[in-house]
């Protein structure tokens, strides 16, 4: 989910015909195709929940969650693959130690959410989806440490990260919080937070609902404090929602995995949310030939406004041959795969020159296998890299942000929302030295 595809429409007011709380209606975002599958269920009575009945193995005591007896919220629930998601009423969630309750201001729809909805990535169900959030701190969990409370006082504007590091495991302690053991062992494997329990319960039945990341497509969500950072006042809630996922996945891929340098030639295969961000950042870093590859002419046309110097519709042309033609027969210095398909994986590795870099970003359907020419990989020094997020503790160099802002202002190639973000991040980095965001 990126700036060019952040939001094509809001959920209509009809969907929110009743108003149990004061979430901003305009802050709920869906793509056109996803929005059509939403409907107002009128609470838990409006959905079929017999797939999660009293005989199921997950039995959790509500009393352990100090759930408020008053107040409730609504959120989006995924029940089973290829079925419409529904709007359900939940008991108001409450954070535990080291966690923060966020009033959601905006949430994007990421393609990984769609992978779950379509059953391409297995995940516990029913679950609350959505992981690209901005919001306001409204409560800290009991026994939360003083430093966390001081860093995120009530009323703070925050942005969430789709990988919510625990901050304590083997990988987090080594600065690899994008590999956090607890996140993958509990949240991605079981749909819970790091005590092995969810924070979400349906209002009427009390049935537990799992959490995909924080379950951000809801009026409130509980987030481990290590998965949050302060959102500067100069950044709007709406456009900033995808910072913790699409934008810095792209930034990390281009700055750290690909290490784009001025004059490099870059091909981006798949110009959806993350791919569009890659185009913008490659241009900002001074790449020369920037080639966008996709199967939709509309996306390719937009890619030109984001920095692409050439576009290829791979339904019409062989992208490998066309990329080599553009680059004098060699291939690009850097090819980025931002879709997650075996075919595009292969195209990515075959599009780079000898000694070039193939960077994989896109998540694939579970069990998907990508093929590669081993001899070329070894003999011609083709590097294979991957990047799933921008690490929470990695530093962004102010010089890089200066390059981005210069490219934006001098060429007018980048969406105005990105301009706001880069300018604010430059000031932010000068103050803090780091950006604490995945």
Protein backbone atom coordinates (compact mmCIF):
# COMPACT_ATOMS: atom_id res chain seq x y z
CA UNK A 1 0.00 0.00 0.00
CA UNK A 2 1.73 3.18 -1.10
CA UNK A 3 1.10 6.85 -1.62
CA UNK A 4 -0.15 6.50 -5.16
CA UNK A 5 -2.68 3.85 -4.12
CA UNK A 6 -3.29 4.84 -0.50
CA UNK A 7 -6.93 5.56 -0.82
CA UNK A 8 -9.20 5.54 -3.81
CA UNK A 9 -12.35 5.91 -1.76
CA UNK A 10 -13.62 6.02 1.84
CA UNK A 11 -16.09 3.62 3.36
CA UNK A 12 -19.40 5.37 2.82
CA UNK A 13 -21.39 6.98 5.57
CA UNK A 14 -24.08 4.42 4.99
CA UNK A 15 -21.67 1.81 6.30
CA UNK A 16 -21.50 3.77 9.54
CA UNK A 17 -25.20 4.40 9.92
CA UNK A 18 -24.92 4.31 13.70
CA UNK A 19 -22.24 6.12 15.66
CA UNK A 20 -21.13 4.36 18.84
CA UNK A 21 -17.95 6.41 19.01
CA UNK A 22 -16.36 9.39 17.36
CA UNK A 23 -13.95 7.85 14.87
CA UNK A 24 -13.43 10.12 11.86
CA UNK A 25 -15.46 8.55 9.06
CA UNK A 26 -13.15 9.96 6.43
CA UNK A 27 -10.17 8.21 7.98
CA UNK A 28 -11.31 4.70 6.99
CA UNK A 29 -9.65 3.76 3.74
CA UNK A 30 -10.25 1.00 1.24
CA UNK A 31 -9.43 0.38 -2.37
CA UNK A 32 -12.40 0.22 -4.71
CA UNK A 33 -12.31 -3.53 -5.07
CA UNK A 34 -12.06 -4.15 -1.36
CA UNK A 35 -14.70 -1.62 -0.37
CA UNK A 36 -17.26 -3.43 -2.49
CA UNK A 37 -16.94 -6.51 -0.29
CA UNK A 38 -17.73 -4.63 2.91
CA UNK A 39 -21.17 -4.33 4.38
CA UNK A 40 -22.62 -3.25 7.68
CA UNK A 41 -23.53 -6.30 9.67
CA UNK A 42 -25.25 -4.55 12.54
CA UNK A 43 -22.86 -6.03 15.07
CA UNK A 44 -21.97 -9.65 15.68
CA UNK A 45 -25.54 -10.73 14.91
CA UNK A 46 -24.97 -9.77 11.29
CA UNK A 47 -22.27 -12.34 10.61
CA UNK A 48 -22.15 -16.10 10.55
CA UNK A 49 -19.95 -17.14 13.43
CA UNK A 50 -20.85 -20.82 13.63
CA UNK A 51 -17.35 -21.57 12.35
CA UNK A 52 -16.16 -20.41 15.77
CA UNK A 53 -18.57 -21.98 18.22
CA UNK A 54 -18.37 -23.10 21.83
CA UNK A 55 -16.70 -26.37 20.85
CA UNK A 56 -13.63 -24.67 19.41
CA UNK A 57 -10.36 -25.09 21.24
CA UNK A 58 -9.65 -21.39 21.91
CA UNK A 59 -11.22 -20.57 25.26
CA UNK A 60 -10.01 -17.38 26.92
CA UNK A 61 -11.30 -15.75 30.06
CA UNK A 62 -12.50 -12.20 29.47
CA UNK A 63 -11.70 -11.29 33.05
CA UNK A 64 -7.97 -11.47 32.35
CA UNK A 65 -8.25 -8.55 29.94
CA UNK A 66 -9.90 -6.01 32.23
CA UNK A 67 -12.31 -5.22 29.37
CA UNK A 68 -14.45 -2.18 30.02
CA UNK A 69 -18.03 -2.96 30.97
CA UNK A 70 -19.12 0.22 29.25
CA UNK A 71 -18.25 1.46 25.79
CA UNK A 72 -17.62 -0.50 22.66
CA UNK A 73 -16.10 -0.02 19.24
CA UNK A 74 -16.43 -1.31 15.72
CA UNK A 75 -13.87 -2.94 13.48
CA UNK A 76 -13.39 -5.02 10.35
CA UNK A 77 -13.39 -8.81 10.78
CA UNK A 78 -12.18 -11.48 8.36
CA UNK A 79 -14.03 -14.76 8.82
CA UNK A 80 -12.92 -17.10 6.06
CA UNK A 81 -11.17 -16.88 2.68
CA UNK A 82 -13.03 -15.28 -0.21
CA UNK A 83 -15.98 -14.30 1.94
CA UNK A 84 -17.00 -10.69 2.61
CA UNK A 85 -15.37 -9.13 5.65
CA UNK A 86 -17.83 -7.54 8.06
CA UNK A 87 -18.08 -4.63 10.45
CA UNK A 88 -18.50 -5.98 13.99
CA UNK A 89 -18.99 -4.46 17.41
CA UNK A 90 -16.28 -5.21 19.98
CA UNK A 91 -15.93 -4.71 23.67
CA UNK A 92 -13.52 -1.84 24.19
CA UNK A 93 -10.01 -3.34 24.17
CA UNK A 94 -7.61 -2.63 27.01
CA UNK A 95 -3.81 -2.68 26.82
CA UNK A 96 -1.55 -4.66 29.12
CA UNK A 97 1.93 -3.76 30.40
CA UNK A 98 4.09 -2.25 27.68
CA UNK A 99 1.12 -1.73 25.39
CA UNK A 100 -0.78 1.35 24.26
CA UNK A 101 -4.43 1.85 23.34
CA UNK A 102 -4.69 3.92 20.17
CA UNK A 103 -7.70 5.80 18.85
CA UNK A 104 -7.36 5.09 15.14
CA UNK A 105 -7.32 8.15 12.90
CA UNK A 106 -6.45 6.44 9.60
CA UNK A 107 -5.66 2.96 8.33
CA UNK A 108 -4.54 1.86 4.89
CA UNK A 109 -5.32 -1.41 3.14
CA UNK A 110 -2.15 -3.32 2.31
CA UNK A 111 -1.85 -6.10 -0.23
CA UNK A 112 -0.84 -8.43 2.60
CA UNK A 113 -4.31 -7.83 4.09
CA UNK A 114 -5.70 -9.00 0.75
CA UNK A 115 -3.44 -12.07 0.85
CA UNK A 116 -5.14 -13.02 4.12
CA UNK A 117 -8.65 -12.25 2.83
CA UNK A 118 -8.07 -14.41 -0.25
CA UNK A 119 -6.55 -17.24 1.79
CA UNK A 120 -3.16 -16.96 0.09
CA UNK A 121 -1.40 -16.51 3.44
CA UNK A 122 -2.82 -18.71 6.21
CA UNK A 123 -3.87 -16.83 9.32
CA UNK A 124 -6.02 -17.58 12.36
CA UNK A 125 -9.65 -16.59 11.99
CA UNK A 126 -11.82 -14.82 12.76
CA UNK A 127 -9.36 -11.94 12.86
CA UNK A 128 -9.28 -8.16 12.79
CA UNK A 129 -7.20 -6.97 9.85
CA UNK A 130 -5.35 -3.74 9.05
CA UNK A 131 -1.83 -2.73 10.05
CA UNK A 132 -1.08 0.69 8.50
CA UNK A 133 -2.28 3.07 11.18
CA UNK A 134 -1.98 6.54 12.57
CA UNK A 135 -3.80 7.57 15.71
CA UNK A 136 -3.86 9.16 19.13
CA UNK A 137 -2.70 7.63 22.41
CA UNK A 138 -5.61 7.28 24.83
CA UNK A 139 -4.40 4.78 27.43
CA UNK A 140 -1.35 2.89 28.70
CA UNK A 141 -1.47 -0.65 30.01
CA UNK A 142 -1.22 -1.21 33.73
CA UNK A 143 2.41 -1.52 34.95
CA UNK A 144 3.80 0.06 31.78
CA UNK A 145 7.25 1.49 32.49
CA UNK A 146 7.74 5.20 33.06
CA UNK A 147 9.94 5.74 30.00
CA UNK A 148 7.27 4.40 27.68
CA UNK A 149 4.63 6.62 29.27
CA UNK A 150 6.91 9.64 28.95
CA UNK A 151 7.68 8.84 25.33
CA UNK A 152 4.02 8.32 24.42
CA UNK A 153 1.94 10.52 26.74
CA UNK A 154 -1.83 10.41 26.43
CA UNK A 155 -2.86 12.59 23.50
CA UNK A 156 0.31 11.89 21.48
CA UNK A 157 0.02 11.54 17.70
CA UNK A 158 1.57 8.23 16.66
CA UNK A 159 2.19 6.03 13.63
CA UNK A 160 2.32 2.25 13.89
CA UNK A 161 4.62 -0.33 12.34
CA UNK A 162 3.26 -3.49 10.76
CA UNK A 163 6.06 -5.48 12.40
CA UNK A 164 5.63 -4.78 16.11
CA UNK A 165 8.96 -5.74 17.73
CA UNK A 166 9.01 -6.98 21.30
CA UNK A 167 12.34 -5.22 21.93
CA UNK A 168 13.70 -8.07 24.07
CA UNK A 169 14.27 -11.20 21.98
CA UNK A 170 17.54 -12.43 20.44
CA UNK A 171 17.00 -10.57 17.16
CA UNK A 172 15.64 -7.36 18.67
CA UNK A 173 18.66 -7.19 20.97
CA UNK A 174 20.93 -7.35 17.92
CA UNK A 175 19.09 -4.60 16.08
CA UNK A 176 17.20 -6.98 13.77
CA UNK A 177 13.76 -6.18 15.09
CA UNK A 178 12.27 -6.93 11.66
CA UNK A 179 13.03 -10.57 12.59
CA UNK A 180 11.45 -10.31 16.05
CA UNK A 181 10.91 -13.81 17.44
CA UNK A 182 7.82 -12.94 19.46
CA UNK A 183 6.13 -11.14 16.57
CA UNK A 184 6.39 -14.15 14.29
CA UNK A 185 5.87 -16.79 16.99
CA UNK A 186 2.77 -15.16 18.47
CA UNK A 187 1.22 -12.59 16.17
CA UNK A 188 1.88 -14.08 12.76
CA UNK A 189 1.59 -17.71 13.89
CA UNK A 190 -1.27 -17.42 16.39
CA UNK A 191 -2.91 -14.03 15.89
CA UNK A 192 -2.18 -12.85 19.43
CA UNK A 193 0.05 -10.41 21.25
CA UNK A 194 3.11 -11.58 23.10
CA UNK A 195 1.46 -13.15 26.12
CA UNK A 196 -0.27 -15.51 23.71
CA UNK A 197 -3.65 -13.82 24.06
CA UNK A 198 -5.79 -11.51 21.96
CA UNK A 199 -7.18 -8.18 23.10
CA UNK A 200 -10.34 -8.34 21.01
CA UNK A 201 -13.73 -9.78 21.97
CA UNK A 202 -17.06 -9.44 20.20
CA UNK A 203 -19.45 -7.20 22.10
CA UNK A 204 -22.51 -9.44 22.26
CA UNK A 205 -21.10 -12.97 22.43
CA UNK A 206 -17.71 -12.31 24.04
CA UNK A 207 -16.05 -14.53 21.44
CA UNK A 208 -12.32 -13.82 21.00
CA UNK A 209 -11.10 -12.42 17.67
CA UNK A 210 -7.49 -12.76 16.54
CA UNK A 211 -5.29 -9.81 15.56
CA UNK A 212 -3.41 -9.38 12.28
CA UNK A 213 -0.68 -7.09 13.63
CA UNK A 214 -2.75 -4.70 15.77
CA UNK A 215 -6.03 -5.15 13.87
CA UNK A 216 -5.92 -1.52 12.80
CA UNK A 217 -9.12 -1.36 10.73
CA UNK A 218 -11.03 -0.55 13.88
CA UNK A 219 -11.94 2.51 15.89
CA UNK A 220 -9.37 1.59 18.55
CA UNK A 221 -6.45 -0.83 18.63
CA UNK A 222 -3.86 -2.10 21.10
CA UNK A 223 -0.23 -1.84 19.99
CA UNK A 224 2.99 -2.88 21.77
CA UNK A 225 4.86 0.34 22.49
CA UNK A 226 7.93 -0.83 20.52
CA UNK A 227 5.74 -0.82 17.41
CA UNK A 228 4.96 2.90 17.63
CA UNK A 229 6.68 6.20 17.02
CA UNK A 230 5.61 9.79 17.48
CA UNK A 231 4.07 11.37 14.39
CA UNK A 232 5.23 14.99 13.97
CA UNK A 233 2.50 17.63 13.97
CA UNK A 234 3.55 18.63 10.47
CA UNK A 235 2.50 15.26 9.05
CA UNK A 236 -1.18 14.60 8.25
CA UNK A 237 -2.84 11.54 9.72
CA UNK A 238 -4.24 10.40 6.39
CA UNK A 239 -1.17 10.27 4.16
CA UNK A 240 1.08 9.12 7.01
CA UNK A 241 -0.85 5.92 7.70
CA UNK A 242 1.30 3.93 5.29
CA UNK A 243 4.64 5.18 6.65
CA UNK A 244 5.09 2.13 8.87
CA UNK A 245 4.60 -0.31 6.00
CA UNK A 246 4.89 0.68 2.34
CA UNK A 247 7.08 3.79 2.50
CA UNK A 248 9.86 2.52 4.71
CA UNK A 249 9.77 -0.97 3.27
CA UNK A 250 10.63 0.80 0.02
CA UNK A 251 13.14 3.10 1.70
CA UNK A 252 14.92 0.22 3.42
CA UNK A 253 15.00 -1.78 0.20
CA UNK A 254 16.44 1.07 -1.86
CA UNK A 255 18.80 2.56 0.71
CA UNK A 256 20.09 -0.58 2.44
CA UNK A 257 19.46 -3.68 0.34
CA UNK A 258 19.89 -2.13 -3.12
CA UNK A 259 22.12 0.75 -1.96
CA UNK A 260 21.04 2.89 -4.90
CA UNK A 261 23.68 5.38 -6.01
CA UNK A 262 23.49 8.33 -8.44
CA UNK A 263 23.58 7.08 -12.00
CA UNK A 264 22.32 3.56 -11.24
CA UNK A 265 19.76 1.97 -13.52
CA UNK A 266 16.78 0.51 -11.66
CA UNK A 267 13.84 -1.64 -12.71
CA UNK A 268 10.81 -2.01 -10.44
CA UNK A 269 8.58 -4.97 -11.26
CA UNK A 270 5.11 -4.38 -9.86
CA UNK A 271 4.20 -0.74 -9.29
CA UNK A 272 1.51 -0.98 -6.67
CA UNK A 273 1.95 0.64 -3.26
CA UNK A 274 5.49 -0.41 -2.36
CA UNK A 275 6.63 -0.39 -5.99
CA UNK A 276 5.45 3.19 -6.48
CA UNK A 277 7.39 4.24 -3.39
CA UNK A 278 10.48 2.48 -4.77
CA UNK A 279 10.22 4.53 -7.97
CA UNK A 280 10.06 7.78 -6.03
CA UNK A 281 12.96 6.91 -3.75
CA UNK A 282 15.13 5.65 -6.62
CA UNK A 283 14.60 8.97 -8.39
CA UNK A 284 15.35 10.86 -5.20
CA UNK A 285 18.63 8.95 -4.81
CA UNK A 286 19.72 9.97 -8.31
CA UNK A 287 19.06 6.83 -10.33
CA UNK A 288 19.26 7.47 -14.10
CA UNK A 289 17.20 4.87 -15.94
CA UNK A 290 14.15 4.01 -13.83
CA UNK A 291 12.04 1.34 -15.49
CA UNK A 292 8.53 0.48 -14.26
CA UNK A 293 7.09 -2.93 -15.14
CA UNK A 294 3.44 -3.84 -14.67
CA UNK A 295 0.47 -5.31 -16.52
CA UNK A 296 -1.87 -2.33 -16.12
CA UNK A 297 -1.45 0.70 -18.38
CA UNK A 298 -3.11 2.96 -15.82
CA UNK A 299 -0.48 2.11 -13.21
CA UNK A 300 2.30 2.54 -15.74
CA UNK A 301 1.00 5.97 -16.70
CA UNK A 302 1.02 7.02 -13.04
CA UNK A 303 4.49 5.53 -12.64
CA UNK A 304 5.83 8.21 -14.97
CA UNK A 305 4.70 10.89 -12.53
CA UNK A 306 6.54 9.04 -9.75
CA UNK A 307 9.89 9.03 -11.55
CA UNK A 308 9.83 6.25 -14.13
CA UNK A 309 11.80 7.15 -17.26
CA UNK A 310 10.49 4.10 -19.14
CA UNK A 311 7.54 1.76 -18.70
CA UNK A 312 6.93 -1.82 -19.83
CA UNK A 313 3.61 -3.61 -20.00
CA UNK A 314 4.71 -7.20 -19.47
CA UNK A 315 1.46 -8.50 -20.97
CA UNK A 316 2.52 -7.02 -24.29
CA UNK A 317 6.33 -7.08 -24.18
CA UNK A 318 8.94 -9.43 -22.76
CA UNK A 319 10.18 -7.35 -19.81
CA UNK A 320 13.59 -9.02 -19.69
CA UNK A 321 14.36 -8.34 -23.34
CA UNK A 322 12.95 -4.81 -23.16
CA UNK A 323 14.98 -3.96 -20.04
CA UNK A 324 18.15 -5.18 -21.75
CA UNK A 325 17.28 -3.15 -24.83
CA UNK A 326 16.90 0.01 -22.73
CA UNK A 327 20.20 -0.64 -20.93
CA UNK A 328 22.34 -1.42 -23.97
CA UNK A 329 22.10 -5.18 -23.60
CA UNK A 330 23.50 -5.47 -20.09
CA UNK A 331 20.49 -5.30 -17.81
CA UNK A 332 19.89 -2.94 -14.91
CA UNK A 333 22.18 -2.39 -11.96
CA UNK A 334 19.26 -3.08 -9.61
CA UNK A 335 15.99 -4.90 -10.17
CA UNK A 336 13.26 -4.82 -7.52
CA UNK A 337 10.47 -7.39 -7.30
CA UNK A 338 7.50 -5.81 -5.51
CA UNK A 339 4.68 -8.21 -6.32
CA UNK A 340 5.46 -11.66 -4.92
CA UNK A 341 4.95 -14.04 -7.87
CA UNK A 342 7.26 -16.84 -9.09
CA UNK A 343 7.18 -15.35 -12.60
CA UNK A 344 8.18 -11.86 -11.48
CA UNK A 345 10.83 -13.34 -9.17
CA UNK A 346 12.40 -14.98 -12.21
CA UNK A 347 12.05 -11.81 -14.28
CA UNK A 348 13.78 -9.85 -11.55
CA UNK A 349 16.83 -12.12 -11.40
CA UNK A 350 17.14 -12.21 -15.20
CA UNK A 351 16.82 -8.44 -15.63
CA UNK A 352 19.97 -7.48 -13.71
CA UNK A 353 23.39 -7.13 -15.29
CA UNK A 354 26.36 -9.27 -14.29
CA UNK A 355 27.35 -8.16 -10.80
CA UNK A 356 23.95 -6.53 -10.29
CA UNK A 357 21.45 -6.81 -7.45
CA UNK A 358 18.02 -8.44 -7.43
CA UNK A 359 15.98 -7.20 -4.45
CA UNK A 360 12.87 -9.11 -3.39
CA UNK A 361 10.12 -7.25 -1.51
CA UNK A 362 6.80 -8.79 -2.51
CA UNK A 363 5.13 -11.39 -0.29
CA UNK A 364 4.02 -14.48 -2.18
CA UNK A 365 1.28 -17.02 -1.69
CA UNK A 366 2.27 -19.54 0.95
CA UNK A 367 4.49 -22.26 -0.52
CA UNK A 368 5.36 -20.35 -3.70
CA UNK A 369 8.77 -21.29 -5.13
CA UNK A 370 10.98 -19.04 -7.24
CA UNK A 371 13.44 -20.48 -9.76
CA UNK A 372 16.90 -19.14 -10.50
CA UNK A 373 19.81 -20.02 -12.78
CA UNK A 374 22.37 -21.16 -10.22
CA UNK A 375 25.37 -21.00 -12.57
CA UNK A 376 24.63 -17.40 -13.55
CA UNK A 377 24.10 -16.51 -9.91
CA UNK A 378 27.51 -17.92 -8.99
CA UNK A 379 29.63 -17.15 -12.05
CA UNK A 380 28.26 -13.72 -12.88
CA UNK A 381 28.03 -12.49 -9.28
CA UNK A 382 24.32 -11.72 -9.28
CA UNK A 383 23.33 -10.73 -5.76
CA UNK A 384 19.94 -11.75 -4.32
CA UNK A 385 18.64 -9.59 -1.49
CA UNK A 386 15.37 -9.30 0.39
CA UNK A 387 13.75 -6.61 2.48
CA UNK A 388 10.54 -6.90 4.45
CA UNK A 389 10.57 -3.63 6.37
CA UNK A 390 12.64 -0.68 7.44
CA UNK A 391 14.20 -1.62 10.76
CA UNK A 392 12.89 0.34 13.70
CA UNK A 393 16.35 1.25 14.98
CA UNK A 394 18.05 1.99 11.67
CA UNK A 395 19.26 5.51 11.04
CA UNK A 396 18.12 7.55 8.08
CA UNK A 397 20.87 9.88 6.98
CA UNK A 398 19.82 13.53 6.67
CA UNK A 399 21.84 13.68 3.44
CA UNK A 400 19.57 11.05 1.93
CA UNK A 401 16.53 13.08 2.90
CA UNK A 402 18.14 16.16 1.35
CA UNK A 403 18.59 14.19 -1.88
CA UNK A 404 14.94 13.16 -1.77
CA UNK A 405 13.69 16.68 -1.15
CA UNK A 406 15.95 18.12 -3.85
CA UNK A 407 14.71 15.59 -6.38
CA UNK A 408 11.11 16.25 -5.42
CA UNK A 409 11.28 20.03 -5.56
CA UNK A 410 13.48 20.27 -8.63
CA UNK A 411 11.62 17.78 -10.83
CA UNK A 412 8.11 17.89 -9.37
CA UNK A 413 7.99 14.13 -9.88
CA UNK A 414 6.65 13.05 -6.54
CA UNK A 415 3.16 13.22 -5.08
CA UNK A 416 2.62 16.23 -2.82
CA UNK A 417 1.94 13.90 0.10
CA UNK A 418 5.44 12.48 -0.20
CA UNK A 419 6.83 16.01 -0.30
CA UNK A 420 5.15 16.79 3.02
CA UNK A 421 6.50 13.59 4.52
CA UNK A 422 10.08 14.00 3.33
CA UNK A 423 10.31 17.63 4.46
CA UNK A 424 8.95 16.77 7.89
CA UNK A 425 11.21 13.74 8.20
CA UNK A 426 14.24 15.88 7.42
CA UNK A 427 13.42 18.16 10.35
CA UNK A 428 12.60 15.13 12.49
CA UNK A 429 15.91 13.42 11.70
CA UNK A 430 17.89 16.56 12.45
CA UNK A 431 16.29 16.58 15.89
CA UNK A 432 16.46 12.91 16.79
CA UNK A 433 19.14 11.40 14.58
CA UNK A 434 16.94 8.36 13.96
CA UNK A 435 13.55 7.45 12.69
CA UNK A 436 11.91 4.87 14.90
CA UNK A 437 9.62 3.35 12.36
CA UNK A 438 9.58 0.07 10.48
